[in-house]
Amino acid sequence: KEEIAKLGPGAMIGEIALVAHKLRTATVVS
């Protein structure tokens, strides 16, 4: 339930789990 970051233009999201071949480490909401 804790917000750990806010990201904006230029940020790539979701790539960590793809690159590491793991489950998602976070929820991302607009």
PDB file of all heavy atoms in Angstrom:
ATOM      1  N   LYS A   1       0.816  -1.219   0.000  1.00  0.00           N
ATOM      2  CA  LYS A   1       0.000   0.000   0.000  1.00  0.00           C
ATOM      3  C   LYS A   1       0.851   1.272   0.000  1.00  0.00           C
ATOM      4  O   LYS A   1       0.329   2.369  -0.046  1.00  0.00           O
ATOM      5  CB  LYS A   1      -0.942  -0.006   1.200  1.00  0.00           C
ATOM      6  CG  LYS A   1      -1.973  -1.117   1.124  1.00  0.00           C
ATOM      7  CD  LYS A   1      -2.956  -1.015   2.262  1.00  0.00           C
ATOM      8  CE  LYS A   1      -3.855  -2.209   2.313  1.00  0.00           C
ATOM      9  NZ  LYS A   1      -5.014  -2.148   1.484  1.00  0.00           N
ATOM     10  N   GLU A   2       2.185   1.102   0.061  1.00  0.00           N
ATOM     11  CA  GLU A   2       3.085   2.246   0.157  1.00  0.00           C
ATOM     12  C   GLU A   2       3.561   2.715  -1.220  1.00  0.00           C
ATOM     13  O   GLU A   2       4.015   1.912  -2.041  1.00  0.00           O
ATOM     14  CB  GLU A   2       4.310   1.860   0.991  1.00  0.00           C
ATOM     15  CG  GLU A   2       5.323   2.960   1.132  1.00  0.00           C
ATOM     16  CD  GLU A   2       6.586   2.497   1.846  1.00  0.00           C
ATOM     17  OE1 GLU A   2       6.640   1.363   2.347  1.00  0.00           O
ATOM     18  OE2 GLU A   2       7.530   3.307   1.886  1.00  0.00           O
ATOM     19  N   GLU A   3       3.439   4.020  -1.441  1.00  0.00           N
ATOM     20  CA  GLU A   3       3.980   4.594  -2.677  1.00  0.00           C
ATOM     21  C   GLU A   3       5.495   4.690  -2.536  1.00  0.00           C
ATOM     22  O   GLU A   3       5.996   5.273  -1.576  1.00  0.00           O
ATOM     23  CB  GLU A   3       3.388   5.973  -2.936  1.00  0.00           C
ATOM     24  CG  GLU A   3       3.930   6.591  -4.215  1.00  0.00           C
ATOM     25  CD  GLU A   3       3.282   7.913  -4.547  1.00  0.00           C
ATOM     26  OE1 GLU A   3       3.747   8.942  -4.003  1.00  0.00           O
ATOM     27  OE2 GLU A   3       2.314   7.916  -5.312  1.00  0.00           O
ATOM     28  N   ILE A   4       6.207   4.108  -3.498  1.00  0.00           N
ATOM     29  CA  ILE A   4       7.671   4.124  -3.425  1.00  0.00           C
ATOM     30  C   ILE A   4       8.287   5.059  -4.458  1.00  0.00           C
ATOM     31  O   ILE A   4       9.464   5.386  -4.367  1.00  0.00           O
ATOM     32  CB  ILE A   4       8.262   2.703  -3.561  1.00  0.00           C
ATOM     33  CG1 ILE A   4       7.815   2.038  -4.861  1.00  0.00           C
ATOM     34  CG2 ILE A   4       7.897   1.850  -2.352  1.00  0.00           C
ATOM     35  CD1 ILE A   4       8.481   0.704  -5.143  1.00  0.00           C
ATOM     36  N   ALA A   5       7.491   5.497  -5.437  1.00  0.00           N
ATOM     37  CA  ALA A   5       8.018   6.425  -6.443  1.00  0.00           C
ATOM     38  C   ALA A   5       6.882   7.016  -7.260  1.00  0.00           C
ATOM     39  O   ALA A   5       5.797   6.444  -7.340  1.00  0.00           O
ATOM     40  CB  ALA A   5       8.982   5.705  -7.372  1.00  0.00           C
ATOM     41  N   LYS A   6       7.179   8.163  -7.835  1.00  0.00           N
ATOM     42  CA  LYS A   6       6.333   8.748  -8.876  1.00  0.00           C
ATOM     43  C   LYS A   6       7.233   8.904 -10.093  1.00  0.00           C
ATOM     44  O   LYS A   6       8.372   9.356  -9.969  1.00  0.00           O
ATOM     45  CB  LYS A   6       5.757  10.092  -8.448  1.00  0.00           C
ATOM     46  CG  LYS A   6       4.584   9.943  -7.521  1.00  0.00           C
ATOM     47  CD  LYS A   6       3.761  11.196  -7.462  1.00  0.00           C
ATOM     48  CE  LYS A   6       2.540  10.899  -6.595  1.00  0.00           C
ATOM     49  NZ  LYS A   6       1.774  12.088  -6.322  1.00  0.00           N
ATOM     50  N   LEU A   7       6.728   8.496 -11.246  1.00  0.00           N
ATOM     51  CA  LEU A   7       7.517   8.556 -12.471  1.00  0.00           C
ATOM     52  C   LEU A   7       6.748   9.309 -13.543  1.00  0.00           C
ATOM     53  O   LEU A   7       5.518   9.279 -13.567  1.00  0.00           O
ATOM     54  CB  LEU A   7       7.830   7.141 -12.967  1.00  0.00           C
ATOM     55  CG  LEU A   7       8.590   6.237 -12.003  1.00  0.00           C
ATOM     56  CD1 LEU A   7       8.673   4.823 -12.557  1.00  0.00           C
ATOM     57  CD2 LEU A   7       9.973   6.787 -11.732  1.00  0.00           C
ATOM     58  N   GLY A   8       7.502   9.971 -14.425  1.00  0.00           N
ATOM     59  CA  GLY A   8       6.880  10.756 -15.479  1.00  0.00           C
ATOM     60  C   GLY A   8       7.514  10.504 -16.827  1.00  0.00           C
ATOM     61  O   GLY A   8       8.129   9.451 -17.047  1.00  0.00           O
ATOM     62  N   PRO A   9       7.404  11.470 -17.729  1.00  0.00           N
ATOM     63  CA  PRO A   9       7.895  11.303 -19.096  1.00  0.00           C
ATOM     64  C   PRO A   9       9.350  10.843 -19.148  1.00  0.00           C
ATOM     65  O   PRO A   9      10.198  11.327 -18.410  1.00  0.00           O
ATOM     66  CB  PRO A   9       7.737  12.708 -19.692  1.00  0.00           C
ATOM     67  CG  PRO A   9       6.603  13.302 -18.928  1.00  0.00           C
ATOM     68  CD  PRO A   9       6.784  12.784 -17.522  1.00  0.00           C
ATOM     69  N   GLY A  10       9.575   9.856 -20.013  1.00  0.00           N
ATOM     70  CA  GLY A  10      10.908   9.285 -20.172  1.00  0.00           C
ATOM     71  C   GLY A  10      11.121   8.031 -19.368  1.00  0.00           C
ATOM     72  O   GLY A  10      12.067   7.284 -19.620  1.00  0.00           O
ATOM     73  N   ALA A  11      10.246   7.762 -18.402  1.00  0.00           N
ATOM     74  CA  ALA A  11      10.392   6.564 -17.572  1.00  0.00           C
ATOM     75  C   ALA A  11       9.818   5.352 -18.294  1.00  0.00           C
ATOM     76  O   ALA A  11       8.791   5.431 -18.957  1.00  0.00           O
ATOM     77  CB  ALA A  11       9.690   6.751 -16.233  1.00  0.00           C
ATOM     78  N   MET A  12      10.499   4.242 -18.155  1.00  0.00           N
ATOM     79  CA  MET A  12       9.997   2.963 -18.645  1.00  0.00           C
ATOM     80  C   MET A  12       9.494   2.217 -17.421  1.00  0.00           C
ATOM     81  O   MET A  12      10.180   2.180 -16.396  1.00  0.00           O
ATOM     82  CB  MET A  12      11.120   2.185 -19.338  1.00  0.00           C
ATOM     83  CG  MET A  12      10.708   0.850 -19.881  1.00  0.00           C
ATOM     84  SD  MET A  12       9.744   0.931 -21.395  1.00  0.00           S
ATOM     85  CE  MET A  12      11.024   0.940 -22.614  1.00  0.00           C
ATOM     86  N   ILE A  13       8.301   1.662 -17.511  1.00  0.00           N
ATOM     87  CA  ILE A  13       7.759   0.892 -16.385  1.00  0.00           C
ATOM     88  C   ILE A  13       7.436  -0.519 -16.864  1.00  0.00           C
ATOM     89  O   ILE A  13       7.028  -0.720 -17.996  1.00  0.00           O
ATOM     90  CB  ILE A  13       6.506   1.567 -15.773  1.00  0.00           C
ATOM     91  CG1 ILE A  13       5.466   1.866 -16.841  1.00  0.00           C
ATOM     92  CG2 ILE A  13       6.890   2.827 -15.022  1.00  0.00           C
ATOM     93  CD1 ILE A  13       4.157   2.394 -16.297  1.00  0.00           C
ATOM     94  N   GLY A  14       7.688  -1.469 -15.985  1.00  0.00           N
ATOM     95  CA  GLY A  14       7.399  -2.857 -16.291  1.00  0.00           C
ATOM     96  C   GLY A  14       8.568  -3.617 -16.868  1.00  0.00           C
ATOM     97  O   GLY A  14       8.503  -4.828 -17.029  1.00  0.00           O
ATOM     98  N   GLU A  15       9.652  -2.916 -17.160  1.00  0.00           N
ATOM     99  CA  GLU A  15      10.790  -3.570 -17.800  1.00  0.00           C
ATOM    100  C   GLU A  15      11.597  -4.418 -16.829  1.00  0.00           C
ATOM    101  O   GLU A  15      12.229  -5.386 -17.226  1.00  0.00           O
ATOM    102  CB  GLU A  15      11.690  -2.538 -18.497  1.00  0.00           C
ATOM    103  CG  GLU A  15      12.728  -1.868 -17.636  1.00  0.00           C
ATOM    104  CD  GLU A  15      12.193  -0.950 -16.549  1.00  0.00           C
ATOM    105  OE1 GLU A  15      10.998  -0.606 -16.561  1.00  0.00           O
ATOM    106  OE2 GLU A  15      12.995  -0.571 -15.681  1.00  0.00           O
ATOM    107  N   ILE A  16      11.571  -4.090 -15.537  1.00  0.00           N
ATOM    108  CA  ILE A  16      12.383  -4.837 -14.573  1.00  0.00           C
ATOM    109  C   ILE A  16      11.974  -6.311 -14.559  1.00  0.00           C
ATOM    110  O   ILE A  16      12.817  -7.203 -14.659  1.00  0.00           O
ATOM    111  CB  ILE A  16      12.283  -4.229 -13.154  1.00  0.00           C
ATOM    112  CG1 ILE A  16      12.976  -2.872 -13.121  1.00  0.00           C
ATOM    113  CG2 ILE A  16      12.893  -5.165 -12.113  1.00  0.00           C
ATOM    114  CD1 ILE A  16      12.843  -2.149 -11.799  1.00  0.00           C
ATOM    115  N   ALA A  17      10.689  -6.568 -14.431  1.00  0.00           N
ATOM    116  CA  ALA A  17      10.214  -7.951 -14.390  1.00  0.00           C
ATOM    117  C   ALA A  17      10.491  -8.668 -15.709  1.00  0.00           C
ATOM    118  O   ALA A  17      10.799  -9.860 -15.722  1.00  0.00           O
ATOM    119  CB  ALA A  17       8.732  -7.991 -14.051  1.00  0.00           C
ATOM    120  N   LEU A  18      10.398  -7.947 -16.819  1.00  0.00           N
ATOM    121  CA  LEU A  18      10.688  -8.572 -18.117  1.00  0.00           C
ATOM    122  C   LEU A  18      12.170  -8.904 -18.239  1.00  0.00           C
ATOM    123  O   LEU A  18      12.527 -10.007 -18.649  1.00  0.00           O
ATOM    124  CB  LEU A  18      10.268  -7.639 -19.260  1.00  0.00           C
ATOM    125  CG  LEU A  18       8.775  -7.504 -19.494  1.00  0.00           C
ATOM    126  CD1 LEU A  18       8.502  -6.450 -20.563  1.00  0.00           C
ATOM    127  CD2 LEU A  18       8.160  -8.820 -19.897  1.00  0.00           C
ATOM    128  N   VAL A  19      13.031  -7.960 -17.899  1.00  0.00           N
ATOM    129  CA  VAL A  19      14.478  -8.175 -18.006  1.00  0.00           C
ATOM    130  C   VAL A  19      14.930  -9.268 -17.033  1.00  0.00           C
ATOM    131  O   VAL A  19      15.735 -10.130 -17.376  1.00  0.00           O
ATOM    132  CB  VAL A  19      15.244  -6.857 -17.758  1.00  0.00           C
ATOM    133  CG1 VAL A  19      16.738  -7.103 -17.612  1.00  0.00           C
ATOM    134  CG2 VAL A  19      14.975  -5.871 -18.897  1.00  0.00           C
ATOM    135  N   ALA A  20      14.375  -9.263 -15.817  1.00  0.00           N
ATOM    136  CA  ALA A  20      14.783 -10.223 -14.785  1.00  0.00           C
ATOM    137  C   ALA A  20      14.021 -11.544 -14.862  1.00  0.00           C
ATOM    138  O   ALA A  20      14.331 -12.482 -14.129  1.00  0.00           O
ATOM    139  CB  ALA A  20      14.593  -9.598 -13.405  1.00  0.00           C
ATOM    140  N   HIS A  21      12.980 -11.612 -15.718  1.00  0.00           N
ATOM    141  CA  HIS A  21      12.141 -12.813 -15.840  1.00  0.00           C
ATOM    142  C   HIS A  21      11.542 -13.204 -14.487  1.00  0.00           C
ATOM    143  O   HIS A  21      11.637 -14.342 -14.058  1.00  0.00           O
ATOM    144  CB  HIS A  21      12.930 -13.980 -16.436  1.00  0.00           C
ATOM    145  CG  HIS A  21      13.528 -13.661 -17.758  1.00  0.00           C
ATOM    146  ND1 HIS A  21      12.776 -13.523 -18.914  1.00  0.00           N
ATOM    147  CD2 HIS A  21      14.800 -13.402 -18.128  1.00  0.00           C
ATOM    148  CE1 HIS A  21      13.562 -13.223 -19.922  1.00  0.00           C
ATOM    149  NE2 HIS A  21      14.799 -13.130 -19.482  1.00  0.00           N
ATOM    150  N   LYS A  22      10.955 -12.203 -13.830  1.00  0.00           N
ATOM    151  CA  LYS A  22      10.351 -12.414 -12.516  1.00  0.00           C
ATOM    152  C   LYS A  22       8.941 -11.835 -12.495  1.00  0.00           C
ATOM    153  O   LYS A  22       8.527 -11.151 -13.428  1.00  0.00           O
ATOM    154  CB  LYS A  22      11.190 -11.740 -11.438  1.00  0.00           C
ATOM    155  CG  LYS A  22      12.592 -12.301 -11.349  1.00  0.00           C
ATOM    156  CD  LYS A  22      13.305 -11.813 -10.123  1.00  0.00           C
ATOM    157  CE  LYS A  22      14.697 -12.386 -10.146  1.00  0.00           C
ATOM    158  NZ  LYS A  22      15.032 -13.197  -9.058  1.00  0.00           N
ATOM    159  N   LEU A  23       8.235 -12.100 -11.396  1.00  0.00           N
ATOM    160  CA  LEU A  23       6.922 -11.481 -11.216  1.00  0.00           C
ATOM    161  C   LEU A  23       7.098  -9.991 -10.983  1.00  0.00           C
ATOM    162  O   LEU A  23       8.163  -9.529 -10.578  1.00  0.00           O
ATOM    163  CB  LEU A  23       6.203 -12.113 -10.016  1.00  0.00           C
ATOM    164  CG  LEU A  23       5.791 -13.580 -10.171  1.00  0.00           C
ATOM    165  CD1 LEU A  23       5.146 -14.077  -8.882  1.00  0.00           C
ATOM    166  CD2 LEU A  23       4.861 -13.793 -11.355  1.00  0.00           C
ATOM    167  N   ARG A  24       6.039  -9.233 -11.207  1.00  0.00           N
ATOM    168  CA  ARG A  24       6.059  -7.785 -10.981  1.00  0.00           C
ATOM    169  C   ARG A  24       6.427  -7.487  -9.535  1.00  0.00           C
ATOM    170  O   ARG A  24       5.939  -8.130  -8.613  1.00  0.00           O
ATOM    171  CB  ARG A  24       4.689  -7.173 -11.265  1.00  0.00           C
ATOM    172  CG  ARG A  24       4.200  -7.393 -12.669  1.00  0.00           C
ATOM    173  CD  ARG A  24       4.745  -6.320 -13.538  1.00  0.00           C
ATOM    174  NE  ARG A  24       4.230  -6.500 -14.900  1.00  0.00           N
ATOM    175  CZ  ARG A  24       4.911  -6.195 -15.969  1.00  0.00           C
ATOM    176  NH1 ARG A  24       6.111  -5.674 -15.865  1.00  0.00           N
ATOM    177  NH2 ARG A  24       4.412  -6.368 -17.161  1.00  0.00           N
ATOM    178  N   THR A  25       7.267  -6.478  -9.344  1.00  0.00           N
ATOM    179  CA  THR A  25       7.692  -6.101  -7.994  1.00  0.00           C
ATOM    180  C   THR A  25       6.849  -4.969  -7.423  1.00  0.00           C
ATOM    181  O   THR A  25       7.012  -4.611  -6.267  1.00  0.00           O
ATOM    182  CB  THR A  25       9.169  -5.659  -8.001  1.00  0.00           C
ATOM    183  OG1 THR A  25       9.316  -4.558  -8.899  1.00  0.00           O
ATOM    184  CG2 THR A  25      10.080  -6.812  -8.406  1.00  0.00           C
ATOM    185  N   ALA A  26       5.964  -4.396  -8.247  1.00  0.00           N
ATOM    186  CA  ALA A  26       5.173  -3.259  -7.785  1.00  0.00           C
ATOM    187  C   ALA A  26       3.889  -3.145  -8.606  1.00  0.00           C
ATOM    188  O   ALA A  26       3.762  -3.720  -9.683  1.00  0.00           O
ATOM    189  CB  ALA A  26       5.980  -1.965  -7.924  1.00  0.00           C
ATOM    190  N   THR A  27       2.970  -2.366  -8.056  1.00  0.00           N
ATOM    191  CA  THR A  27       1.755  -1.976  -8.757  1.00  0.00           C
ATOM    192  C   THR A  27       2.000  -0.574  -9.301  1.00  0.00           C
ATOM    193  O   THR A  27       2.595   0.261  -8.619  1.00  0.00           O
ATOM    194  CB  THR A  27       0.552  -1.976  -7.795  1.00  0.00           C
ATOM    195  OG1 THR A  27       0.344  -3.326  -7.351  1.00  0.00           O
ATOM    196  CG2 THR A  27      -0.710  -1.444  -8.440  1.00  0.00           C
ATOM    197  N   VAL A  28       1.546  -0.311 -10.516  1.00  0.00           N
ATOM    198  CA  VAL A  28       1.709   1.003 -11.120  1.00  0.00           C
ATOM    199  C   VAL A  28       0.333   1.523 -11.520  1.00  0.00           C
ATOM    200  O   VAL A  28      -0.400   0.851 -12.243  1.00  0.00           O
ATOM    201  CB  VAL A  28       2.643   0.945 -12.353  1.00  0.00           C
ATOM    202  CG1 VAL A  28       2.771   2.320 -12.982  1.00  0.00           C
ATOM    203  CG2 VAL A  28       4.009   0.399 -11.958  1.00  0.00           C
ATOM    204  N   VAL A  29       0.013   2.723 -11.010  1.00  0.00           N
ATOM    205  CA  VAL A  29      -1.294   3.328 -11.246  1.00  0.00           C
ATOM    206  C   VAL A  29      -1.089   4.730 -11.815  1.00  0.00           C
ATOM    207  O   VAL A  29      -0.251   5.492 -11.320  1.00  0.00           O
ATOM    208  CB  VAL A  29      -2.106   3.409  -9.925  1.00  0.00           C
ATOM    209  CG1 VAL A  29      -3.446   4.084 -10.135  1.00  0.00           C
ATOM    210  CG2 VAL A  29      -2.284   2.015  -9.326  1.00  0.00           C
ATOM    211  N   SER A  30      -1.875   5.076 -12.823  1.00  0.00           N
ATOM    212  CA  SER A  30      -1.779   6.426 -13.399  1.00  0.00           C
ATOM    213  C   SER A  30      -2.311   7.447 -12.404  1.00  0.00           C
ATOM    214  O   SER A  30      -3.345   7.249 -11.782  1.00  0.00           O
ATOM    215  CB  SER A  30      -2.554   6.502 -14.716  1.00  0.00           C
ATOM    216  OG  SER A  30      -3.907   6.160 -14.520  1.00  0.00           O
TER     217      SER A  30
END
